[in-house]
Amino acid sequence: MMFAWVLIAVVAGALAQRLAGLGFGLLVSPVLVVLLGPFDGVMIINLCGATSSLLILSRVWRDVHWRRYLGLALAAVAGVLPGAWLASNVPEAPLEICIGVLLIFALLASQRLTRSTWHASGPVPLVSLGFSSGLMNAAAGVGGPAITAYAIATRWEQKSFSATLQPYFVTTGLTSLVSKYVLSGGHVPALEGWQWLGILAAMITGIVAGDLLTGRVRPGAVRGIVVAIAYLGAVSTLAKGFVELAAA
């Protein structure tokens, strides 16, 4: 039953990723952290997020802004290492609390920027928000809000932004996964072969469903649902961490 909830979350995350360009980590991170623990849960999110973005990339390839991708990816990779170190060395309960706090902070910051008239340009916002995204992706599996903040601040056109996120998430997901594997001494989530196949099938199901709904559902509406669910998940993760910390 627990694994069924994992599959449902993966389908929903892949669907949101296909429709809105992001949302996989925001939707899936709280569920997998609560069900599988913060380290294993985020490792699986990194792998699945990279895989789902790779599958989506073939559909949006011609809209990718490769120059912006390169700048953001380089900044994000610099943030991955400290994030991977936190994920590998912080005990489970405090790590869950950190993930919950990071989720809430990132969501509040990106929403605040949505209502702002501030317009950013130049390398400073690109490097700082790219670095933050990489750190949060490695530590919590949620690199999307920081990059969304960059897109809002620079008034990045939605179609190009959504497409460029796909190679970006492939890069940050794989570098986060490799960094944590090395820093943890070769730890791998203890899932059986059929469970990995089930997760892959769930991702493909979500992407195909997103293909069918593309053009029929507004990306803004999808993002609103993703944010609402992400807030609920962040609070649940935070509460679980505090309960485990109090019981220790």
C-alpha atoms as a PDB file:
ATOM      1  CA  MET A   1       0.000   0.000   0.000  1.00  0.00           C
ATOM      2  CA  MET A   2       2.868   2.356   0.853  1.00  0.00           C
ATOM      3  CA  PHE A   3       4.507   1.715  -2.516  1.00  0.00           C
ATOM      4  CA  ALA A   4       1.182   2.386  -4.263  1.00  0.00           C
ATOM      5  CA  TRP A   5       1.304   5.936  -2.861  1.00  0.00           C
ATOM      6  CA  VAL A   6       4.849   6.282  -4.214  1.00  0.00           C
ATOM      7  CA  LEU A   7       3.617   5.304  -7.702  1.00  0.00           C
ATOM      8  CA  ILE A   8       0.658   7.718  -7.514  1.00  0.00           C
ATOM      9  CA  ALA A   9       3.014  10.551  -6.533  1.00  0.00           C
ATOM     10  CA  VAL A  10       5.386   9.724  -9.419  1.00  0.00           C
ATOM     11  CA  VAL A  11       2.515   9.724 -11.958  1.00  0.00           C
ATOM     12  CA  ALA A  12       1.293  13.106 -10.638  1.00  0.00           C
ATOM     13  CA  GLY A  13       4.815  14.548 -10.645  1.00  0.00           C
ATOM     14  CA  ALA A  14       5.574  13.427 -14.209  1.00  0.00           C
ATOM     15  CA  LEU A  15       2.191  14.771 -15.368  1.00  0.00           C
ATOM     16  CA  ALA A  16       2.902  18.178 -13.789  1.00  0.00           C
ATOM     17  CA  GLN A  17       6.416  18.187 -15.250  1.00  0.00           C
ATOM     18  CA  ARG A  18       5.064  17.617 -18.767  1.00  0.00           C
ATOM     19  CA  LEU A  19       2.298  20.234 -18.497  1.00  0.00           C
ATOM     20  CA  ALA A  20       4.085  23.014 -16.592  1.00  0.00           C
ATOM     21  CA  GLY A  21       7.782  22.274 -17.145  1.00  0.00           C
ATOM     22  CA  LEU A  22       8.382  21.680 -13.450  1.00  0.00           C
ATOM     23  CA  GLY A  23       6.642  20.191 -10.440  1.00  0.00           C
ATOM     24  CA  PHE A  24       8.102  16.694 -10.209  1.00  0.00           C
ATOM     25  CA  GLY A  25      10.218  17.387  -7.142  1.00  0.00           C
ATOM     26  CA  LEU A  26       7.642  19.642  -5.491  1.00  0.00           C
ATOM     27  CA  LEU A  27       4.921  17.003  -5.715  1.00  0.00           C
ATOM     28  CA  VAL A  28       6.984  13.872  -5.131  1.00  0.00           C
ATOM     29  CA  SER A  29       9.567  15.037  -2.563  1.00  0.00           C
ATOM     30  CA  PRO A  30       7.267  15.310   0.487  1.00  0.00           C
ATOM     31  CA  VAL A  31       5.605  11.949  -0.245  1.00  0.00           C
ATOM     32  CA  LEU A  32       8.849  10.009  -0.739  1.00  0.00           C
ATOM     33  CA  VAL A  33      10.589  11.712   2.201  1.00  0.00           C
ATOM     34  CA  VAL A  34       7.745  10.724   4.533  1.00  0.00           C
ATOM     35  CA  LEU A  35       7.407   7.169   3.142  1.00  0.00           C
ATOM     36  CA  LEU A  36      11.040   6.233   2.409  1.00  0.00           C
ATOM     37  CA  GLY A  37      13.098   8.615   4.555  1.00  0.00           C
ATOM     38  CA  PRO A  38      14.867  11.834   3.557  1.00  0.00           C
ATOM     39  CA  PHE A  39      18.027  10.336   2.058  1.00  0.00           C
ATOM     40  CA  ASP A  40      16.555   7.448   0.050  1.00  0.00           C
ATOM     41  CA  GLY A  41      13.499   9.507  -0.884  1.00  0.00           C
ATOM     42  CA  VAL A  42      15.528  12.395  -2.315  1.00  0.00           C
ATOM     43  CA  MET A  43      17.929  10.028  -4.129  1.00  0.00           C
ATOM     44  CA  ILE A  44      14.960   8.438  -5.907  1.00  0.00           C
ATOM     45  CA  ILE A  45      13.557  11.900  -6.694  1.00  0.00           C
ATOM     46  CA  ASN A  46      16.889  12.958  -8.213  1.00  0.00           C
ATOM     47  CA  LEU A  47      16.966   9.856 -10.424  1.00  0.00           C
ATOM     48  CA  CYS A  48      13.295  10.030 -11.424  1.00  0.00           C
ATOM     49  CA  GLY A  49      13.386  13.780 -11.988  1.00  0.00           C
ATOM     50  CA  ALA A  50      16.385  13.442 -14.314  1.00  0.00           C
ATOM     51  CA  THR A  51      14.781  10.514 -16.152  1.00  0.00           C
ATOM     52  CA  SER A  52      11.396  12.201 -16.622  1.00  0.00           C
ATOM     53  CA  SER A  53      13.065  15.390 -17.892  1.00  0.00           C
ATOM     54  CA  LEU A  54      15.165  13.326 -20.308  1.00  0.00           C
ATOM     55  CA  LEU A  55      12.013  11.674 -21.668  1.00  0.00           C
ATOM     56  CA  ILE A  56      10.289  15.068 -22.029  1.00  0.00           C
ATOM     57  CA  LEU A  57      13.349  16.729 -23.634  1.00  0.00           C
ATOM     58  CA  SER A  58      12.827  15.006 -26.984  1.00  0.00           C
ATOM     59  CA  ARG A  59       9.428  16.725 -27.244  1.00  0.00           C
ATOM     60  CA  VAL A  60      10.641  20.269 -26.460  1.00  0.00           C
ATOM     61  CA  TRP A  61      14.209  20.202 -27.828  1.00  0.00           C
ATOM     62  CA  ARG A  62      13.832  23.005 -30.374  1.00  0.00           C
ATOM     63  CA  ASP A  63      12.556  25.488 -27.725  1.00  0.00           C
ATOM     64  CA  VAL A  64      15.529  25.080 -25.340  1.00  0.00           C
ATOM     65  CA  HIS A  65      17.580  28.240 -24.690  1.00  0.00           C
ATOM     66  CA  TRP A  66      20.988  26.515 -24.561  1.00  0.00           C
ATOM     67  CA  ARG A  67      23.024  29.554 -23.534  1.00  0.00           C
ATOM     68  CA  ARG A  68      20.892  30.169 -20.450  1.00  0.00           C
ATOM     69  CA  TYR A  69      20.878  26.457 -19.704  1.00  0.00           C
ATOM     70  CA  LEU A  70      24.678  26.393 -19.640  1.00  0.00           C
ATOM     71  CA  GLY A  71      24.970  29.356 -17.255  1.00  0.00           C
ATOM     72  CA  LEU A  72      22.321  28.034 -14.869  1.00  0.00           C
ATOM     73  CA  ALA A  73      23.675  24.475 -14.986  1.00  0.00           C
ATOM     74  CA  LEU A  74      27.233  25.538 -14.135  1.00  0.00           C
ATOM     75  CA  ALA A  75      25.988  27.591 -11.170  1.00  0.00           C
ATOM     76  CA  ALA A  76      23.745  24.739 -10.014  1.00  0.00           C
ATOM     77  CA  VAL A  77      26.498  22.106 -10.168  1.00  0.00           C
ATOM     78  CA  ALA A  78      28.555  24.319  -7.817  1.00  0.00           C
ATOM     79  CA  GLY A  79      25.655  24.170  -5.334  1.00  0.00           C
ATOM     80  CA  VAL A  80      25.140  20.416  -5.626  1.00  0.00           C
ATOM     81  CA  LEU A  81      28.208  19.430  -3.583  1.00  0.00           C
ATOM     82  CA  PRO A  82      27.282  21.266  -0.337  1.00  0.00           C
ATOM     83  CA  GLY A  83      23.690  20.041  -0.747  1.00  0.00           C
ATOM     84  CA  ALA A  84      24.859  16.447  -1.208  1.00  0.00           C
ATOM     85  CA  TRP A  85      27.114  16.760   1.862  1.00  0.00           C
ATOM     86  CA  LEU A  86      24.139  17.926   3.963  1.00  0.00           C
ATOM     87  CA  ALA A  87      21.998  15.038   2.709  1.00  0.00           C
ATOM     88  CA  SER A  88      24.759  12.512   3.468  1.00  0.00           C
ATOM     89  CA  ASN A  89      25.777  13.768   6.925  1.00  0.00           C
ATOM     90  CA  VAL A  90      22.751  15.296   8.677  1.00  0.00           C
ATOM     91  CA  PRO A  91      20.681  12.825  10.807  1.00  0.00           C
ATOM     92  CA  GLU A  92      17.243  11.825   9.496  1.00  0.00           C
ATOM     93  CA  ALA A  93      14.939  13.912  11.740  1.00  0.00           C
ATOM     94  CA  PRO A  94      16.872  17.203  11.384  1.00  0.00           C
ATOM     95  CA  LEU A  95      17.188  16.552   7.643  1.00  0.00           C
ATOM     96  CA  GLU A  96      13.408  16.161   7.338  1.00  0.00           C
ATOM     97  CA  ILE A  97      12.958  19.455   9.201  1.00  0.00           C
ATOM     98  CA  CYS A  98      15.490  21.135   6.879  1.00  0.00           C
ATOM     99  CA  ILE A  99      13.685  19.786   3.805  1.00  0.00           C
ATOM    100  CA  GLY A 100      10.318  21.049   5.088  1.00  0.00           C
ATOM    101  CA  VAL A 101      11.746  24.497   5.865  1.00  0.00           C
ATOM    102  CA  LEU A 102      13.534  24.700   2.486  1.00  0.00           C
ATOM    103  CA  LEU A 103      10.321  23.782   0.666  1.00  0.00           C
ATOM    104  CA  ILE A 104       8.238  26.413   2.481  1.00  0.00           C
ATOM    105  CA  PHE A 105      10.912  29.118   2.083  1.00  0.00           C
ATOM    106  CA  ALA A 106      11.335  28.395  -1.634  1.00  0.00           C
ATOM    107  CA  LEU A 107       7.588  28.429  -2.265  1.00  0.00           C
ATOM    108  CA  LEU A 108       7.085  31.707  -0.362  1.00  0.00           C
ATOM    109  CA  ALA A 109      10.019  33.377  -2.131  1.00  0.00           C
ATOM    110  CA  SER A 110       8.872  32.359  -5.623  1.00  0.00           C
ATOM    111  CA  GLN A 111       5.298  33.530  -4.895  1.00  0.00           C
ATOM    112  CA  ARG A 112       6.588  36.842  -3.545  1.00  0.00           C
ATOM    113  CA  LEU A 113       8.535  37.415  -6.762  1.00  0.00           C
ATOM    114  CA  THR A 114       5.424  36.633  -8.816  1.00  0.00           C
ATOM    115  CA  ARG A 115       3.766  39.730  -7.339  1.00  0.00           C
ATOM    116  CA  SER A 116       6.883  41.887  -7.650  1.00  0.00           C
ATOM    117  CA  THR A 117       7.658  44.355 -10.436  1.00  0.00           C
ATOM    118  CA  TRP A 118      11.405  43.940  -9.945  1.00  0.00           C
ATOM    119  CA  HIS A 119      13.256  43.082 -13.150  1.00  0.00           C
ATOM    120  CA  ALA A 120      16.620  41.300 -12.849  1.00  0.00           C
ATOM    121  CA  SER A 121      19.399  41.019 -15.405  1.00  0.00           C
ATOM    122  CA  GLY A 122      23.077  40.098 -15.588  1.00  0.00           C
ATOM    123  CA  PRO A 123      25.100  37.270 -14.052  1.00  0.00           C
ATOM    124  CA  VAL A 124      24.364  37.884 -10.332  1.00  0.00           C
ATOM    125  CA  PRO A 125      20.756  36.549 -10.238  1.00  0.00           C
ATOM    126  CA  LEU A 126      21.692  33.740 -12.641  1.00  0.00           C
ATOM    127  CA  VAL A 127      24.610  32.533 -10.493  1.00  0.00           C
ATOM    128  CA  SER A 128      22.968  33.040  -7.078  1.00  0.00           C
ATOM    129  CA  LEU A 129      19.630  31.445  -7.946  1.00  0.00           C
ATOM    130  CA  GLY A 130      21.264  28.686  -9.993  1.00  0.00           C
ATOM    131  CA  PHE A 131      23.539  27.859  -7.039  1.00  0.00           C
ATOM    132  CA  SER A 132      20.534  27.852  -4.660  1.00  0.00           C
ATOM    133  CA  SER A 133      18.618  25.574  -6.996  1.00  0.00           C
ATOM    134  CA  GLY A 134      21.490  23.064  -7.168  1.00  0.00           C
ATOM    135  CA  LEU A 135      21.913  23.040  -3.387  1.00  0.00           C
ATOM    136  CA  MET A 136      18.190  22.508  -2.796  1.00  0.00           C
ATOM    137  CA  ASN A 137      17.954  19.853  -5.494  1.00  0.00           C
ATOM    138  CA  ALA A 138      20.723  17.801  -3.860  1.00  0.00           C
ATOM    139  CA  ALA A 139      19.521  18.333  -0.279  1.00  0.00           C
ATOM    140  CA  ALA A 140      15.742  18.185  -0.756  1.00  0.00           C
ATOM    141  CA  GLY A 141      14.989  17.198  -4.362  1.00  0.00           C
ATOM    142  CA  VAL A 142      13.365  20.582  -5.096  1.00  0.00           C
ATOM    143  CA  GLY A 143      15.443  22.764  -7.393  1.00  0.00           C
ATOM    144  CA  GLY A 144      12.426  24.187  -9.252  1.00  0.00           C
ATOM    145  CA  PRO A 145      11.360  27.136  -7.050  1.00  0.00           C
ATOM    146  CA  ALA A 146      14.726  28.934  -7.225  1.00  0.00           C
ATOM    147  CA  ILE A 147      14.806  28.607 -11.019  1.00  0.00           C
ATOM    148  CA  THR A 148      11.171  29.738 -11.200  1.00  0.00           C
ATOM    149  CA  ALA A 149      12.183  32.812  -9.188  1.00  0.00           C
ATOM    150  CA  TYR A 150      14.898  33.508 -11.779  1.00  0.00           C
ATOM    151  CA  ALA A 151      12.426  33.095 -14.645  1.00  0.00           C
ATOM    152  CA  ILE A 152       9.929  35.471 -13.000  1.00  0.00           C
ATOM    153  CA  ALA A 153      12.579  38.076 -12.152  1.00  0.00           C
ATOM    154  CA  THR A 154      14.005  38.064 -15.688  1.00  0.00           C
ATOM    155  CA  ARG A 155      10.577  37.847 -17.386  1.00  0.00           C
ATOM    156  CA  TRP A 156      11.618  34.651 -19.198  1.00  0.00           C
ATOM    157  CA  GLU A 157       9.038  33.551 -21.762  1.00  0.00           C
ATOM    158  CA  GLN A 158       7.154  30.477 -20.494  1.00  0.00           C
ATOM    159  CA  LYS A 159       7.578  28.163 -23.495  1.00  0.00           C
ATOM    160  CA  SER A 160      11.368  28.601 -23.645  1.00  0.00           C
ATOM    161  CA  PHE A 161      11.662  28.447 -19.845  1.00  0.00           C
ATOM    162  CA  SER A 162       9.669  25.219 -19.615  1.00  0.00           C
ATOM    163  CA  ALA A 163      11.762  23.587 -22.364  1.00  0.00           C
ATOM    164  CA  THR A 164      15.111  24.754 -20.925  1.00  0.00           C
ATOM    165  CA  LEU A 165      14.245  23.292 -17.529  1.00  0.00           C
ATOM    166  CA  GLN A 166      14.372  19.764 -18.968  1.00  0.00           C
ATOM    167  CA  PRO A 167      18.125  19.525 -19.745  1.00  0.00           C
ATOM    168  CA  TYR A 168      18.733  21.597 -16.606  1.00  0.00           C
ATOM    169  CA  PHE A 169      16.938  19.034 -14.402  1.00  0.00           C
ATOM    170  CA  VAL A 170      18.746  16.177 -16.151  1.00  0.00           C
ATOM    171  CA  THR A 171      22.059  17.800 -15.234  1.00  0.00           C
ATOM    172  CA  THR A 172      21.214  18.691 -11.621  1.00  0.00           C
ATOM    173  CA  GLY A 173      19.447  15.372 -10.952  1.00  0.00           C
ATOM    174  CA  LEU A 174      22.335  13.224 -12.170  1.00  0.00           C
ATOM    175  CA  THR A 175      25.068  15.319 -10.487  1.00  0.00           C
ATOM    176  CA  SER A 176      23.103  15.260  -7.209  1.00  0.00           C
ATOM    177  CA  LEU A 177      22.678  11.496  -7.464  1.00  0.00           C
ATOM    178  CA  VAL A 178      26.359  10.817  -8.199  1.00  0.00           C
ATOM    179  CA  SER A 179      27.556  13.212  -5.468  1.00  0.00           C
ATOM    180  CA  LYS A 180      25.386  11.590  -2.803  1.00  0.00           C
ATOM    181  CA  TYR A 181      26.352   8.105  -3.924  1.00  0.00           C
ATOM    182  CA  VAL A 182      30.049   8.982  -3.510  1.00  0.00           C
ATOM    183  CA  LEU A 183      29.694  10.931  -0.248  1.00  0.00           C
ATOM    184  CA  SER A 184      27.531   8.210   1.356  1.00  0.00           C
ATOM    185  CA  GLY A 185      30.033   5.466   0.547  1.00  0.00           C
ATOM    186  CA  GLY A 186      27.997   3.857  -2.234  1.00  0.00           C
ATOM    187  CA  HIS A 187      24.543   3.845  -0.622  1.00  0.00           C
ATOM    188  CA  VAL A 188      21.676   2.864  -2.944  1.00  0.00           C
ATOM    189  CA  PRO A 189      17.931   2.895  -2.034  1.00  0.00           C
ATOM    190  CA  ALA A 190      16.813  -0.614  -1.109  1.00  0.00           C
ATOM    191  CA  LEU A 191      14.139  -1.167  -3.762  1.00  0.00           C
ATOM    192  CA  GLU A 192      13.547  -4.433  -5.588  1.00  0.00           C
ATOM    193  CA  GLY A 193      13.751  -4.738  -9.368  1.00  0.00           C
ATOM    194  CA  TRP A 194       9.983  -4.804  -9.856  1.00  0.00           C
ATOM    195  CA  GLN A 195       9.660  -1.609  -7.810  1.00  0.00           C
ATOM    196  CA  TRP A 196      12.143   0.251 -10.030  1.00  0.00           C
ATOM    197  CA  LEU A 197      10.204  -0.971 -13.077  1.00  0.00           C
ATOM    198  CA  GLY A 198       6.970   0.211 -11.459  1.00  0.00           C
ATOM    199  CA  ILE A 199       8.427   3.690 -10.914  1.00  0.00           C
ATOM    200  CA  LEU A 200       9.588   3.830 -14.562  1.00  0.00           C
ATOM    201  CA  ALA A 201       6.128   2.777 -15.750  1.00  0.00           C
ATOM    202  CA  ALA A 202       4.530   5.424 -13.499  1.00  0.00           C
ATOM    203  CA  MET A 203       6.781   8.123 -14.989  1.00  0.00           C
ATOM    204  CA  ILE A 204       5.928   7.113 -18.553  1.00  0.00           C
ATOM    205  CA  THR A 205       2.213   7.038 -17.670  1.00  0.00           C
ATOM    206  CA  GLY A 206       2.388  10.579 -16.284  1.00  0.00           C
ATOM    207  CA  ILE A 207       4.274  11.905 -19.317  1.00  0.00           C
ATOM    208  CA  VAL A 208       1.881  10.265 -21.808  1.00  0.00           C
ATOM    209  CA  ALA A 209      -1.092  11.675 -19.875  1.00  0.00           C
ATOM    210  CA  GLY A 210       0.596  15.086 -20.006  1.00  0.00           C
ATOM    211  CA  ASP A 211       1.034  14.767 -23.778  1.00  0.00           C
ATOM    212  CA  LEU A 212      -2.678  14.084 -24.142  1.00  0.00           C
ATOM    213  CA  LEU A 213      -3.612  17.077 -21.945  1.00  0.00           C
ATOM    214  CA  THR A 214      -1.121  19.560 -23.418  1.00  0.00           C
ATOM    215  CA  GLY A 215      -3.046  22.515 -24.838  1.00  0.00           C
ATOM    216  CA  ARG A 216      -6.186  21.584 -22.901  1.00  0.00           C
ATOM    217  CA  VAL A 217      -4.982  22.550 -19.426  1.00  0.00           C
ATOM    218  CA  ARG A 218      -3.389  25.923 -18.642  1.00  0.00           C
ATOM    219  CA  PRO A 219       0.173  25.589 -17.208  1.00  0.00           C
ATOM    220  CA  GLY A 220      -0.713  28.308 -14.673  1.00  0.00           C
ATOM    221  CA  ALA A 221      -3.529  26.178 -13.273  1.00  0.00           C
ATOM    222  CA  VAL A 222      -1.191  23.175 -13.008  1.00  0.00           C
ATOM    223  CA  ARG A 223       1.410  25.275 -11.171  1.00  0.00           C
ATOM    224  CA  GLY A 224      -1.249  26.476  -8.719  1.00  0.00           C
ATOM    225  CA  ILE A 225      -2.223  22.896  -7.865  1.00  0.00           C
ATOM    226  CA  VAL A 226       1.437  21.862  -7.573  1.00  0.00           C
ATOM    227  CA  VAL A 227       2.171  24.724  -5.155  1.00  0.00           C
ATOM    228  CA  ALA A 228      -0.865  23.926  -2.970  1.00  0.00           C
ATOM    229  CA  ILE A 229       0.091  20.239  -2.715  1.00  0.00           C
ATOM    230  CA  ALA A 230       3.728  21.179  -2.110  1.00  0.00           C
ATOM    231  CA  TYR A 231       2.746  23.337   0.878  1.00  0.00           C
ATOM    232  CA  LEU A 232       0.779  20.435   2.393  1.00  0.00           C
ATOM    233  CA  GLY A 233       3.676  18.066   1.804  1.00  0.00           C
ATOM    234  CA  ALA A 234       6.204  20.487   3.291  1.00  0.00           C
ATOM    235  CA  VAL A 235       4.149  20.857   6.468  1.00  0.00           C
ATOM    236  CA  SER A 236       3.784  17.052   6.737  1.00  0.00           C
ATOM    237  CA  THR A 237       7.542  16.575   6.295  1.00  0.00           C
ATOM    238  CA  LEU A 238       8.260  19.260   8.892  1.00  0.00           C
ATOM    239  CA  ALA A 239       5.817  17.695  11.373  1.00  0.00           C
ATOM    240  CA  LYS A 240       7.286  14.205  10.875  1.00  0.00           C
ATOM    241  CA  GLY A 241      10.790  15.542  11.536  1.00  0.00           C
ATOM    242  CA  PHE A 242       9.724  17.285  14.765  1.00  0.00           C
ATOM    243  CA  VAL A 243       7.865  14.175  15.988  1.00  0.00           C
ATOM    244  CA  GLU A 244      10.913  11.949  15.370  1.00  0.00           C
ATOM    245  CA  LEU A 245      13.210  14.502  16.985  1.00  0.00           C
ATOM    246  CA  ALA A 246      10.996  14.659  20.092  1.00  0.00           C
ATOM    247  CA  ALA A 247      10.837  10.849  20.318  1.00  0.00           C
ATOM    248  CA  ALA A 248      14.619  10.449  20.047  1.00  0.00           C
END
